[in-house]
Amino acid sequence: KKLGQGTLLAVRSSFNGTLLGAMESILNVGLNDT
């Protein structure tokens, strides 16, 4: 909420080196039918 109401978000994993099984980046979280 501190980033702003209705703000679309990106979610990315962050780690050092190589880490198998980490989640893919997901963009535009918050989009919906309206």
Full PDB file with SEQRES, HELIX, SHEET, SSBOND, CRYST1, ORIGX, SCALE, CONECT and MASTER records, all heavy atoms in Angstrom:
SEQRES   1 A   34  LYS LYS LEU GLY GLN GLY THR LEU LEU ALA VAL ARG SER          
SEQRES   2 A   34  SER PHE ASN GLY THR LEU LEU GLY ALA MET GLU SER ILE          
SEQRES   3 A   34  LEU ASN VAL GLY LEU ASN ASP THR                              
SHEET    1 AA1 2 LEU A   9  VAL A  11  0                                        
SHEET    2 AA1 2 ILE A  26  VAL A  29 -1                                        
CRYST1    1.000    1.000    1.000  90.00  90.00  90.00 P 1           1          
ORIGX1      1.000000  0.000000  0.000000        0.00000                         
ORIGX2      0.000000  1.000000  0.000000        0.00000                         
ORIGX3      0.000000  0.000000  1.000000        0.00000                         
SCALE1      1.000000  0.000000  0.000000        0.00000                         
SCALE2      0.000000  1.000000  0.000000        0.00000                         
SCALE3      0.000000  0.000000  1.000000        0.00000                         
ATOM      1  N   LYS A   1       0.820  -1.211   0.000  1.00  0.00           N  
ATOM      2  CA  LYS A   1       0.000   0.000   0.000  1.00  0.00           C  
ATOM      3  C   LYS A   1       0.852   1.258   0.000  1.00  0.00           C  
ATOM      4  O   LYS A   1       0.480   2.284  -0.571  1.00  0.00           O  
ATOM      5  CB  LYS A   1      -0.904  -0.004   1.241  1.00  0.00           C  
ATOM      6  CG  LYS A   1      -2.090   0.934   1.144  1.00  0.00           C  
ATOM      7  CD  LYS A   1      -2.987   0.766   2.359  1.00  0.00           C  
ATOM      8  CE  LYS A   1      -4.418   1.070   1.998  1.00  0.00           C  
ATOM      9  NZ  LYS A   1      -5.307   0.908   3.162  1.00  0.00           N  
ATOM     10  N   LYS A   2       2.024   1.177   0.618  1.00  0.00           N  
ATOM     11  CA  LYS A   2       2.916   2.335   0.678  1.00  0.00           C  
ATOM     12  C   LYS A   2       3.502   2.687  -0.687  1.00  0.00           C  
ATOM     13  O   LYS A   2       4.063   3.764  -0.871  1.00  0.00           O  
ATOM     14  CB  LYS A   2       4.036   2.079   1.691  1.00  0.00           C  
ATOM     15  CG  LYS A   2       3.533   2.039   3.125  1.00  0.00           C  
ATOM     16  CD  LYS A   2       4.655   1.824   4.112  1.00  0.00           C  
ATOM     17  CE  LYS A   2       4.120   1.819   5.547  1.00  0.00           C  
ATOM     18  NZ  LYS A   2       5.185   1.603   6.548  1.00  0.00           N  
ATOM     19  N   LEU A   3       3.393   1.779  -1.655  1.00  0.00           N  
ATOM     20  CA  LEU A   3       3.865   2.065  -3.007  1.00  0.00           C  
ATOM     21  C   LEU A   3       2.804   2.784  -3.835  1.00  0.00           C  
ATOM     22  O   LEU A   3       3.074   3.199  -4.961  1.00  0.00           O  
ATOM     23  CB  LEU A   3       4.272   0.762  -3.712  1.00  0.00           C  
ATOM     24  CG  LEU A   3       5.392  -0.038  -3.046  1.00  0.00           C  
ATOM     25  CD1 LEU A   3       5.710  -1.271  -3.873  1.00  0.00           C  
ATOM     26  CD2 LEU A   3       6.631   0.810  -2.861  1.00  0.00           C  
ATOM     27  N   GLY A   4       1.597   2.902  -3.285  1.00  0.00           N  
ATOM     28  CA  GLY A   4       0.529   3.615  -3.989  1.00  0.00           C  
ATOM     29  C   GLY A   4      -0.615   2.704  -4.374  1.00  0.00           C  
ATOM     30  O   GLY A   4      -0.391   1.617  -4.905  1.00  0.00           O  
ATOM     31  N   GLN A   5      -1.828   3.156  -4.088  1.00  0.00           N  
ATOM     32  CA  GLN A   5      -3.011   2.368  -4.413  1.00  0.00           C  
ATOM     33  C   GLN A   5      -3.120   2.180  -5.920  1.00  0.00           C  
ATOM     34  O   GLN A   5      -3.003   3.133  -6.685  1.00  0.00           O  
ATOM     35  CB  GLN A   5      -4.267   3.079  -3.887  1.00  0.00           C  
ATOM     36  CG  GLN A   5      -5.518   2.243  -3.914  1.00  0.00           C  
ATOM     37  CD  GLN A   5      -5.484   1.128  -2.886  1.00  0.00           C  
ATOM     38  OE1 GLN A   5      -4.865   1.259  -1.851  1.00  0.00           O  
ATOM     39  NE2 GLN A   5      -6.162   0.027  -3.192  1.00  0.00           N  
ATOM     40  N   GLY A   6      -3.312   0.958  -6.359  1.00  0.00           N  
ATOM     41  CA  GLY A   6      -3.466   0.693  -7.785  1.00  0.00           C  
ATOM     42  C   GLY A   6      -2.161   0.578  -8.553  1.00  0.00           C  
ATOM     43  O   GLY A   6      -2.180   0.392  -9.768  1.00  0.00           O  
ATOM     44  N   THR A   7      -1.026   0.682  -7.861  1.00  0.00           N  
ATOM     45  CA  THR A   7       0.272   0.570  -8.534  1.00  0.00           C  
ATOM     46  C   THR A   7       0.516  -0.870  -8.982  1.00  0.00           C  
ATOM     47  O   THR A   7       0.354  -1.800  -8.194  1.00  0.00           O  
ATOM     48  CB  THR A   7       1.415   1.008  -7.591  1.00  0.00           C  
ATOM     49  OG1 THR A   7       1.211   2.371  -7.211  1.00  0.00           O  
ATOM     50  CG2 THR A   7       2.774   0.869  -8.267  1.00  0.00           C  
ATOM     51  N   LEU A   8       0.898  -1.042 -10.235  1.00  0.00           N  
ATOM     52  CA  LEU A   8       1.253  -2.370 -10.717  1.00  0.00           C  
ATOM     53  C   LEU A   8       2.644  -2.726 -10.221  1.00  0.00           C  
ATOM     54  O   LEU A   8       3.525  -1.866 -10.121  1.00  0.00           O  
ATOM     55  CB  LEU A   8       1.209  -2.416 -12.242  1.00  0.00           C  
ATOM     56  CG  LEU A   8      -0.150  -2.119 -12.876  1.00  0.00           C  
ATOM     57  CD1 LEU A   8      -0.046  -2.190 -14.395  1.00  0.00           C  
ATOM     58  CD2 LEU A   8      -1.210  -3.080 -12.365  1.00  0.00           C  
ATOM     59  N   LEU A   9       2.857  -4.004  -9.916  1.00  0.00           N  
ATOM     60  CA  LEU A   9       4.092  -4.424  -9.269  1.00  0.00           C  
ATOM     61  C   LEU A   9       4.818  -5.496 -10.077  1.00  0.00           C  
ATOM     62  O   LEU A   9       4.207  -6.252 -10.828  1.00  0.00           O  
ATOM     63  CB  LEU A   9       3.789  -4.971  -7.865  1.00  0.00           C  
ATOM     64  CG  LEU A   9       3.072  -4.030  -6.906  1.00  0.00           C  
ATOM     65  CD1 LEU A   9       2.729  -4.760  -5.615  1.00  0.00           C  
ATOM     66  CD2 LEU A   9       3.901  -2.787  -6.627  1.00  0.00           C  
ATOM     67  N   ALA A  10       6.132  -5.528  -9.885  1.00  0.00           N  
ATOM     68  CA  ALA A  10       6.965  -6.619 -10.391  1.00  0.00           C  
ATOM     69  C   ALA A  10       7.477  -7.401  -9.194  1.00  0.00           C  
ATOM     70  O   ALA A  10       7.839  -6.817  -8.168  1.00  0.00           O  
ATOM     71  CB  ALA A  10       8.135  -6.072 -11.203  1.00  0.00           C  
ATOM     72  N   VAL A  11       7.518  -8.717  -9.320  1.00  0.00           N  
ATOM     73  CA  VAL A  11       8.043  -9.576  -8.256  1.00  0.00           C  
ATOM     74  C   VAL A  11       9.160 -10.413  -8.859  1.00  0.00           C  
ATOM     75  O   VAL A  11       8.947 -11.147  -9.830  1.00  0.00           O  
ATOM     76  CB  VAL A  11       6.945 -10.506  -7.681  1.00  0.00           C  
ATOM     77  CG1 VAL A  11       7.516 -11.338  -6.532  1.00  0.00           C  
ATOM     78  CG2 VAL A  11       5.751  -9.685  -7.201  1.00  0.00           C  
ATOM     79  N   ARG A  12      10.369 -10.296  -8.295  1.00  0.00           N  
ATOM     80  CA  ARG A  12      11.547 -10.984  -8.838  1.00  0.00           C  
ATOM     81  C   ARG A  12      12.314 -11.664  -7.705  1.00  0.00           C  
ATOM     82  O   ARG A  12      12.441 -11.113  -6.611  1.00  0.00           O  
ATOM     83  CB  ARG A  12      12.476  -9.996  -9.545  1.00  0.00           C  
ATOM     84  CG  ARG A  12      11.807  -9.100 -10.585  1.00  0.00           C  
ATOM     85  CD  ARG A  12      12.796  -8.079 -11.128  1.00  0.00           C  
ATOM     86  NE  ARG A  12      12.186  -7.063 -11.962  1.00  0.00           N  
ATOM     87  CZ  ARG A  12      12.040  -7.154 -13.284  1.00  0.00           C  
ATOM     88  NH1 ARG A  12      12.473  -8.245 -13.903  1.00  0.00           N  
ATOM     89  NH2 ARG A  12      11.484  -6.181 -13.978  1.00  0.00           N  
ATOM     90  N   SER A  13      12.858 -12.839  -7.982  1.00  0.00           N  
ATOM     91  CA  SER A  13      13.716 -13.520  -7.009  1.00  0.00           C  
ATOM     92  C   SER A  13      15.082 -12.863  -6.991  1.00  0.00           C  
ATOM     93  O   SER A  13      15.571 -12.357  -8.004  1.00  0.00           O  
ATOM     94  CB  SER A  13      13.858 -15.001  -7.371  1.00  0.00           C  
ATOM     95  OG  SER A  13      12.629 -15.673  -7.269  1.00  0.00           O  
ATOM     96  N   SER A  14      15.726 -12.871  -5.831  1.00  0.00           N  
ATOM     97  CA  SER A  14      17.069 -12.312  -5.686  1.00  0.00           C  
ATOM     98  C   SER A  14      17.913 -13.270  -4.865  1.00  0.00           C  
ATOM     99  O   SER A  14      17.536 -13.653  -3.756  1.00  0.00           O  
ATOM    100  CB  SER A  14      17.009 -10.938  -5.004  1.00  0.00           C  
ATOM    101  OG  SER A  14      18.304 -10.395  -4.848  1.00  0.00           O  
ATOM    102  N   PHE A  15      19.047 -13.677  -5.418  1.00  0.00           N  
ATOM    103  CA  PHE A  15      19.916 -14.631  -4.730  1.00  0.00           C  
ATOM    104  C   PHE A  15      21.336 -14.463  -5.244  1.00  0.00           C  
ATOM    105  O   PHE A  15      21.578 -13.775  -6.251  1.00  0.00           O  
ATOM    106  CB  PHE A  15      19.435 -16.068  -4.959  1.00  0.00           C  
ATOM    107  CG  PHE A  15      19.099 -16.375  -6.390  1.00  0.00           C  
ATOM    108  CD1 PHE A  15      20.073 -16.806  -7.278  1.00  0.00           C  
ATOM    109  CD2 PHE A  15      17.798 -16.216  -6.858  1.00  0.00           C  
ATOM    110  CE1 PHE A  15      19.769 -17.064  -8.603  1.00  0.00           C  
ATOM    111  CE2 PHE A  15      17.482 -16.477  -8.192  1.00  0.00           C  
ATOM    112  CZ  PHE A  15      18.465 -16.900  -9.063  1.00  0.00           C  
ATOM    113  N   ASN A  16      22.267 -15.071  -4.568  1.00  0.00           N  
ATOM    114  CA  ASN A  16      23.670 -15.018  -4.975  1.00  0.00           C  
ATOM    115  C   ASN A  16      24.037 -16.306  -5.705  1.00  0.00           C  
ATOM    116  O   ASN A  16      23.702 -17.397  -5.248  1.00  0.00           O  
ATOM    117  CB  ASN A  16      24.576 -14.825  -3.756  1.00  0.00           C  
ATOM    118  CG  ASN A  16      24.328 -13.493  -3.073  1.00  0.00           C  
ATOM    119  OD1 ASN A  16      24.338 -12.446  -3.708  1.00  0.00           O  
ATOM    120  ND2 ASN A  16      24.094 -13.527  -1.765  1.00  0.00           N  
ATOM    121  N   GLY A  17      24.717 -16.169  -6.835  1.00  0.00           N  
ATOM    122  CA  GLY A  17      25.126 -17.347  -7.580  1.00  0.00           C  
ATOM    123  C   GLY A  17      23.956 -17.985  -8.308  1.00  0.00           C  
ATOM    124  O   GLY A  17      23.025 -17.304  -8.754  1.00  0.00           O  
ATOM    125  N   THR A  18      23.966 -19.299  -8.401  1.00  0.00           N  
ATOM    126  CA  THR A  18      22.927 -20.051  -9.094  1.00  0.00           C  
ATOM    127  C   THR A  18      22.040 -20.753  -8.073  1.00  0.00           C  
ATOM    128  O   THR A  18      22.532 -21.377  -7.145  1.00  0.00           O  
ATOM    129  CB  THR A  18      23.543 -21.106 -10.033  1.00  0.00           C  
ATOM    130  OG1 THR A  18      24.383 -20.437 -10.981  1.00  0.00           O  
ATOM    131  CG2 THR A  18      22.456 -21.869 -10.771  1.00  0.00           C  
ATOM    132  N   LEU A  19      20.736 -20.625  -8.252  1.00  0.00           N  
ATOM    133  CA  LEU A  19      19.794 -21.237  -7.317  1.00  0.00           C  
ATOM    134  C   LEU A  19      18.678 -21.898  -8.115  1.00  0.00           C  
ATOM    135  O   LEU A  19      17.828 -21.225  -8.706  1.00  0.00           O  
ATOM    136  CB  LEU A  19      19.219 -20.184  -6.369  1.00  0.00           C  
ATOM    137  CG  LEU A  19      18.462 -20.690  -5.143  1.00  0.00           C  
ATOM    138  CD1 LEU A  19      19.370 -21.537  -4.258  1.00  0.00           C  
ATOM    139  CD2 LEU A  19      17.903 -19.518  -4.350  1.00  0.00           C  
ATOM    140  N   LEU A  20      18.707 -23.216  -8.183  1.00  0.00           N  
ATOM    141  CA  LEU A  20      17.708 -23.945  -8.948  1.00  0.00           C  
ATOM    142  C   LEU A  20      16.341 -23.877  -8.267  1.00  0.00           C  
ATOM    143  O   LEU A  20      16.248 -23.920  -7.041  1.00  0.00           O  
ATOM    144  CB  LEU A  20      18.136 -25.409  -9.108  1.00  0.00           C  
ATOM    145  CG  LEU A  20      19.439 -25.650  -9.882  1.00  0.00           C  
ATOM    146  CD1 LEU A  20      19.765 -27.136  -9.897  1.00  0.00           C  
ATOM    147  CD2 LEU A  20      19.352 -25.099 -11.294  1.00  0.00           C  
ATOM    148  N   GLY A  21      15.317 -23.771  -9.066  1.00  0.00           N  
ATOM    149  CA  GLY A  21      13.963 -23.789  -8.531  1.00  0.00           C  
ATOM    150  C   GLY A  21      13.405 -22.443  -8.134  1.00  0.00           C  
ATOM    151  O   GLY A  21      12.278 -22.359  -7.647  1.00  0.00           O  
ATOM    152  N   ALA A  22      14.194 -21.372  -8.315  1.00  0.00           N  
ATOM    153  CA  ALA A  22      13.701 -20.049  -7.949  1.00  0.00           C  
ATOM    154  C   ALA A  22      12.561 -19.637  -8.884  1.00  0.00           C  
ATOM    155  O   ALA A  22      12.505 -20.037 -10.042  1.00  0.00           O  
ATOM    156  CB  ALA A  22      14.825 -19.024  -8.009  1.00  0.00           C  
ATOM    157  N   MET A  23      11.667 -18.828  -8.372  1.00  0.00           N  
ATOM    158  CA  MET A  23      10.510 -18.392  -9.134  1.00  0.00           C  
ATOM    159  C   MET A  23      10.911 -17.471 -10.273  1.00  0.00           C  
ATOM    160  O   MET A  23      11.836 -16.676 -10.161  1.00  0.00           O  
ATOM    161  CB  MET A  23       9.529 -17.666  -8.210  1.00  0.00           C  
ATOM    162  CG  MET A  23       8.193 -17.342  -8.821  1.00  0.00           C  
ATOM    163  SD  MET A  23       7.157 -16.362  -7.700  1.00  0.00           S  
ATOM    164  CE  MET A  23       8.047 -14.801  -7.734  1.00  0.00           C  
ATOM    165  N   GLU A  24      10.195 -17.561 -11.387  1.00  0.00           N  
ATOM    166  CA  GLU A  24      10.387 -16.635 -12.497  1.00  0.00           C  
ATOM    167  C   GLU A  24       9.913 -15.241 -12.078  1.00  0.00           C  
ATOM    168  O   GLU A  24       9.105 -15.093 -11.161  1.00  0.00           O  
ATOM    169  CB  GLU A  24       9.563 -17.082 -13.704  1.00  0.00           C  
ATOM    170  CG  GLU A  24       9.878 -18.471 -14.214  1.00  0.00           C  
ATOM    171  CD  GLU A  24       8.882 -18.924 -15.264  1.00  0.00           C  
ATOM    172  OE1 GLU A  24       8.070 -18.099 -15.728  1.00  0.00           O  
ATOM    173  OE2 GLU A  24       8.915 -20.112 -15.626  1.00  0.00           O  
ATOM    174  N   SER A  25      10.402 -14.229 -12.785  1.00  0.00           N  
ATOM    175  CA  SER A  25       9.899 -12.882 -12.552  1.00  0.00           C  
ATOM    176  C   SER A  25       8.449 -12.796 -13.012  1.00  0.00           C  
ATOM    177  O   SER A  25       8.082 -13.335 -14.059  1.00  0.00           O  
ATOM    178  CB  SER A  25      10.739 -11.851 -13.313  1.00  0.00           C  
ATOM    179  OG  SER A  25      12.064 -11.810 -12.818  1.00  0.00           O  
ATOM    180  N   ILE A  26       7.630 -12.130 -12.225  1.00  0.00           N  
ATOM    181  CA  ILE A  26       6.221 -11.938 -12.569  1.00  0.00           C  
ATOM    182  C   ILE A  26       5.946 -10.434 -12.611  1.00  0.00           C  
ATOM    183  O   ILE A  26       6.191  -9.721 -11.633  1.00  0.00           O  
ATOM    184  CB  ILE A  26       5.294 -12.624 -11.557  1.00  0.00           C  
ATOM    185  CG1 ILE A  26       5.596 -14.126 -11.511  1.00  0.00           C  
ATOM    186  CG2 ILE A  26       3.827 -12.379 -11.911  1.00  0.00           C  
ATOM    187  CD1 ILE A  26       4.721 -14.911 -10.562  1.00  0.00           C  
ATOM    188  N   LEU A  27       5.466  -9.960 -13.745  1.00  0.00           N  
ATOM    189  CA  LEU A  27       5.284  -8.524 -13.967  1.00  0.00           C  
ATOM    190  C   LEU A  27       3.802  -8.150 -14.003  1.00  0.00           C  
ATOM    191  O   LEU A  27       2.944  -8.968 -14.295  1.00  0.00           O  
ATOM    192  CB  LEU A  27       5.945  -8.114 -15.288  1.00  0.00           C  
ATOM    193  CG  LEU A  27       7.405  -8.511 -15.474  1.00  0.00           C  
ATOM    194  CD1 LEU A  27       7.904  -8.039 -16.838  1.00  0.00           C  
ATOM    195  CD2 LEU A  27       8.280  -7.964 -14.362  1.00  0.00           C  
ATOM    196  N   ASN A  28       3.564  -6.862 -13.716  1.00  0.00           N  
ATOM    197  CA  ASN A  28       2.220  -6.281 -13.787  1.00  0.00           C  
ATOM    198  C   ASN A  28       1.228  -6.929 -12.832  1.00  0.00           C  
ATOM    199  O   ASN A  28       0.038  -7.075 -13.149  1.00  0.00           O  
ATOM    200  CB  ASN A  28       1.690  -6.349 -15.222  1.00  0.00           C  
ATOM    201  CG  ASN A  28       2.479  -5.469 -16.174  1.00  0.00           C  
ATOM    202  OD1 ASN A  28       2.611  -4.276 -15.956  1.00  0.00           O  
ATOM    203  ND2 ASN A  28       3.037  -6.072 -17.218  1.00  0.00           N  
ATOM    204  N   VAL A  29       1.718  -7.323 -11.657  1.00  0.00           N  
ATOM    205  CA  VAL A  29       0.822  -7.845 -10.626  1.00  0.00           C  
ATOM    206  C   VAL A  29      -0.159  -6.735 -10.237  1.00  0.00           C  
ATOM    207  O   VAL A  29       0.246  -5.613  -9.933  1.00  0.00           O  
ATOM    208  CB  VAL A  29       1.623  -8.309  -9.393  1.00  0.00           C  
ATOM    209  CG1 VAL A  29       0.692  -8.770  -8.288  1.00  0.00           C  
ATOM    210  CG2 VAL A  29       2.600  -9.417  -9.792  1.00  0.00           C  
ATOM    211  N   GLY A  30      -1.424  -7.054 -10.255  1.00  0.00           N  
ATOM    212  CA  GLY A  30      -2.466  -6.067  -9.973  1.00  0.00           C  
ATOM    213  C   GLY A  30      -3.411  -5.859 -11.131  1.00  0.00           C  
ATOM    214  O   GLY A  30      -4.505  -5.304 -10.964  1.00  0.00           O  
ATOM    215  N   LEU A  31      -3.011  -6.309 -12.343  1.00  0.00           N  
ATOM    216  CA  LEU A  31      -3.929  -6.223 -13.468  1.00  0.00           C  
ATOM    217  C   LEU A  31      -5.108  -7.174 -13.245  1.00  0.00           C  
ATOM    218  O   LEU A  31      -4.946  -8.252 -12.693  1.00  0.00           O  
ATOM    219  CB  LEU A  31      -3.215  -6.604 -14.773  1.00  0.00           C  
ATOM    220  CG  LEU A  31      -2.226  -5.593 -15.358  1.00  0.00           C  
ATOM    221  CD1 LEU A  31      -1.614  -6.137 -16.635  1.00  0.00           C  
ATOM    222  CD2 LEU A  31      -2.901  -4.245 -15.620  1.00  0.00           C  
ATOM    223  N   ASN A  32      -6.267  -6.754 -13.686  1.00  0.00           N  
ATOM    224  CA  ASN A  32      -7.450  -7.614 -13.634  1.00  0.00           C  
ATOM    225  C   ASN A  32      -8.421  -7.184 -14.727  1.00  0.00           C  
ATOM    226  O   ASN A  32      -8.062  -6.360 -15.579  1.00  0.00           O  
ATOM    227  CB  ASN A  32      -8.108  -7.574 -12.244  1.00  0.00           C  
ATOM    228  CG  ASN A  32      -8.448  -6.155 -11.814  1.00  0.00           C  
ATOM    229  OD1 ASN A  32      -8.793  -5.301 -12.637  1.00  0.00           O  
ATOM    230  ND2 ASN A  32      -8.369  -5.901 -10.514  1.00  0.00           N  
ATOM    231  N   ASP A  33      -9.619  -7.706 -14.705  1.00  0.00           N  
ATOM    232  CA  ASP A  33     -10.560  -7.431 -15.790  1.00  0.00           C  
ATOM    233  C   ASP A  33     -10.922  -5.953 -15.906  1.00  0.00           C  
ATOM    234  O   ASP A  33     -11.267  -5.474 -16.993  1.00  0.00           O  
ATOM    235  CB  ASP A  33     -11.843  -8.240 -15.592  1.00  0.00           C  
ATOM    236  CG  ASP A  33     -11.614  -9.729 -15.806  1.00  0.00           C  
ATOM    237  OD1 ASP A  33     -10.508 -10.101 -16.252  1.00  0.00           O  
ATOM    238  OD2 ASP A  33     -12.548 -10.521 -15.529  1.00  0.00           O  
ATOM    239  N   THR A  34     -10.873  -5.220 -14.807  1.00  0.00           N  
ATOM    240  CA  THR A  34     -11.238  -3.797 -14.841  1.00  0.00           C  
ATOM    241  C   THR A  34     -10.022  -2.879 -14.859  1.00  0.00           C  
ATOM    242  O   THR A  34     -10.168  -1.678 -15.026  1.00  0.00           O  
ATOM    243  CB  THR A  34     -12.115  -3.442 -13.623  1.00  0.00           C  
ATOM    244  OG1 THR A  34     -11.418  -3.770 -12.422  1.00  0.00           O  
ATOM    245  CG2 THR A  34     -13.420  -4.217 -13.673  1.00  0.00           C  
TER     246      THR A  34                                                      
MASTER        0    0    0    0    2    0    0    6  245    1    0    3          
END                                                                             
